[in-house]
């Protein structure tokens, strides 16, 4: 299963991608996260349905007080892409 998320808010320049990667690794999610030119952060993660649910559920608290997510656009896809790890790209 794949989850694709666009994060909006104060999510660039505050360690947000690293925080997303840490949460992904904690939940066994493979995929990537990157900054977009429009100021948003985009990520795609792959895992079991249970892993994805637990990961998405963890996305409401952040370890850094400077991070402020104002909106998340979440899309679920019932496919597999075969990601081998989770990385920060771009």
C-alpha atoms as a PDB file:
ATOM      1  CA  UNK A   1       0.000   0.000   0.000  1.00  0.00           C
ATOM      2  CA  UNK A   2       1.187   3.527  -0.818  1.00  0.00           C
ATOM      3  CA  UNK A   3       0.396   6.784   0.970  1.00  0.00           C
ATOM      4  CA  UNK A   4       1.132  10.073  -0.799  1.00  0.00           C
ATOM      5  CA  UNK A   5       0.990  13.227   1.323  1.00  0.00           C
ATOM      6  CA  UNK A   6       1.401  16.937   0.606  1.00  0.00           C
ATOM      7  CA  UNK A   7       2.106  19.001   3.733  1.00  0.00           C
ATOM      8  CA  UNK A   8       1.442  22.743   3.846  1.00  0.00           C
ATOM      9  CA  UNK A   9       2.427  25.266   6.505  1.00  0.00           C
ATOM     10  CA  UNK A  10       5.794  26.055   8.110  1.00  0.00           C
ATOM     11  CA  UNK A  11       7.398  22.867   6.831  1.00  0.00           C
ATOM     12  CA  UNK A  12      10.570  24.022   5.079  1.00  0.00           C
ATOM     13  CA  UNK A  13      13.729  25.122   6.888  1.00  0.00           C
ATOM     14  CA  UNK A  14      12.589  23.680  10.242  1.00  0.00           C
ATOM     15  CA  UNK A  15      13.824  20.066  10.093  1.00  0.00           C
ATOM     16  CA  UNK A  16      10.474  18.775   8.878  1.00  0.00           C
ATOM     17  CA  UNK A  17      11.752  16.305   6.270  1.00  0.00           C
ATOM     18  CA  UNK A  18      14.061  14.734   8.847  1.00  0.00           C
ATOM     19  CA  UNK A  19      11.126  14.459  11.296  1.00  0.00           C
ATOM     20  CA  UNK A  20       8.988  12.753   8.636  1.00  0.00           C
ATOM     21  CA  UNK A  21      11.840  10.350   7.856  1.00  0.00           C
ATOM     22  CA  UNK A  22      12.246   9.480  11.561  1.00  0.00           C
ATOM     23  CA  UNK A  23       8.514   8.723  11.886  1.00  0.00           C
ATOM     24  CA  UNK A  24       8.607   6.645   8.697  1.00  0.00           C
ATOM     25  CA  UNK A  25      11.552   4.603   9.960  1.00  0.00           C
ATOM     26  CA  UNK A  26       9.819   4.053  13.327  1.00  0.00           C
ATOM     27  CA  UNK A  27       6.827   2.547  11.500  1.00  0.00           C
ATOM     28  CA  UNK A  28       8.756   0.528   8.891  1.00  0.00           C
ATOM     29  CA  UNK A  29       7.696   2.789   6.008  1.00  0.00           C
ATOM     30  CA  UNK A  30       9.849   2.897   2.856  1.00  0.00           C
ATOM     31  CA  UNK A  31       9.778   5.763   0.349  1.00  0.00           C
ATOM     32  CA  UNK A  32      10.878   9.392   0.137  1.00  0.00           C
ATOM     33  CA  UNK A  33      10.242  12.970   1.276  1.00  0.00           C
ATOM     34  CA  UNK A  34      11.204  16.208  -0.497  1.00  0.00           C
ATOM     35  CA  UNK A  35      10.723  19.971  -0.497  1.00  0.00           C
ATOM     36  CA  UNK A  36       8.654  21.350  -3.356  1.00  0.00           C
ATOM     37  CA  UNK A  37       9.257  24.734  -5.004  1.00  0.00           C
ATOM     38  CA  UNK A  38       5.811  25.937  -3.848  1.00  0.00           C
ATOM     39  CA  UNK A  39       6.836  25.743  -0.171  1.00  0.00           C
ATOM     40  CA  UNK A  40       5.078  22.460   0.480  1.00  0.00           C
ATOM     41  CA  UNK A  41       6.692  19.163   1.448  1.00  0.00           C
ATOM     42  CA  UNK A  42       5.730  16.022  -0.470  1.00  0.00           C
ATOM     43  CA  UNK A  43       6.213  12.431   0.611  1.00  0.00           C
ATOM     44  CA  UNK A  44       5.392   8.981  -0.592  1.00  0.00           C
ATOM     45  CA  UNK A  45       5.568   5.973   1.669  1.00  0.00           C
ATOM     46  CA  UNK A  46       5.018   2.269   1.224  1.00  0.00           C
ATOM     47  CA  UNK A  47       4.136  -0.359   3.795  1.00  0.00           C
ATOM     48  CA  UNK A  48       1.397  -2.646   4.998  1.00  0.00           C
ATOM     49  CA  UNK A  49      -2.048  -1.199   5.622  1.00  0.00           C
ATOM     50  CA  UNK A  50      -1.384  -1.366   9.377  1.00  0.00           C
ATOM     51  CA  UNK A  51       2.016   0.355   9.059  1.00  0.00           C
ATOM     52  CA  UNK A  52       0.502   3.116   6.922  1.00  0.00           C
ATOM     53  CA  UNK A  53      -2.368   3.672   9.388  1.00  0.00           C
ATOM     54  CA  UNK A  54       0.029   3.894  12.340  1.00  0.00           C
ATOM     55  CA  UNK A  55       2.372   6.231  10.428  1.00  0.00           C
ATOM     56  CA  UNK A  56      -0.418   8.591   9.301  1.00  0.00           C
ATOM     57  CA  UNK A  57      -1.814   8.568  12.837  1.00  0.00           C
ATOM     58  CA  UNK A  58       1.555   9.774  14.137  1.00  0.00           C
ATOM     59  CA  UNK A  59       1.586  12.850  11.892  1.00  0.00           C
ATOM     60  CA  UNK A  60      -0.170  15.197  14.309  1.00  0.00           C
ATOM     61  CA  UNK A  61       2.691  15.763  16.775  1.00  0.00           C
ATOM     62  CA  UNK A  62       6.173  16.996  15.942  1.00  0.00           C
ATOM     63  CA  UNK A  63       9.361  17.144  18.049  1.00  0.00           C
ATOM     64  CA  UNK A  64      10.235  20.648  16.874  1.00  0.00           C
ATOM     65  CA  UNK A  65       8.113  23.611  18.009  1.00  0.00           C
ATOM     66  CA  UNK A  66       8.934  25.511  14.803  1.00  0.00           C
ATOM     67  CA  UNK A  67       7.091  22.952  12.653  1.00  0.00           C
ATOM     68  CA  UNK A  68       3.514  24.043  11.915  1.00  0.00           C
ATOM     69  CA  UNK A  69       1.493  21.848   9.558  1.00  0.00           C
ATOM     70  CA  UNK A  70      -1.646  23.718   8.502  1.00  0.00           C
ATOM     71  CA  UNK A  71      -2.946  21.222   5.948  1.00  0.00           C
ATOM     72  CA  UNK A  72      -2.295  17.679   4.722  1.00  0.00           C
ATOM     73  CA  UNK A  73      -3.589  16.206   1.470  1.00  0.00           C
ATOM     74  CA  UNK A  74      -3.468  12.419   1.888  1.00  0.00           C
ATOM     75  CA  UNK A  75      -3.972   9.937  -0.956  1.00  0.00           C
ATOM     76  CA  UNK A  76      -3.923   6.156  -0.515  1.00  0.00           C
ATOM     77  CA  UNK A  77      -3.092   3.809  -3.387  1.00  0.00           C
ATOM     78  CA  UNK A  78      -3.499   0.042  -3.271  1.00  0.00           C
ATOM     79  CA  UNK A  79      -0.293  -0.621  -5.212  1.00  0.00           C
ATOM     80  CA  UNK A  80       3.320  -1.528  -4.453  1.00  0.00           C
ATOM     81  CA  UNK A  81       6.392   0.212  -5.852  1.00  0.00           C
ATOM     82  CA  UNK A  82       9.058  -1.824  -4.065  1.00  0.00           C
ATOM     83  CA  UNK A  83      10.888   0.947  -2.209  1.00  0.00           C
ATOM     84  CA  UNK A  84      13.935  -0.442  -0.402  1.00  0.00           C
ATOM     85  CA  UNK A  85      14.490   2.361   2.145  1.00  0.00           C
ATOM     86  CA  UNK A  86      13.273   5.815   3.148  1.00  0.00           C
ATOM     87  CA  UNK A  87      15.233   8.846   2.035  1.00  0.00           C
ATOM     88  CA  UNK A  88      15.215  12.607   1.843  1.00  0.00           C
ATOM     89  CA  UNK A  89      15.451  13.585  -1.829  1.00  0.00           C
ATOM     90  CA  UNK A  90      15.872  16.837  -3.729  1.00  0.00           C
END
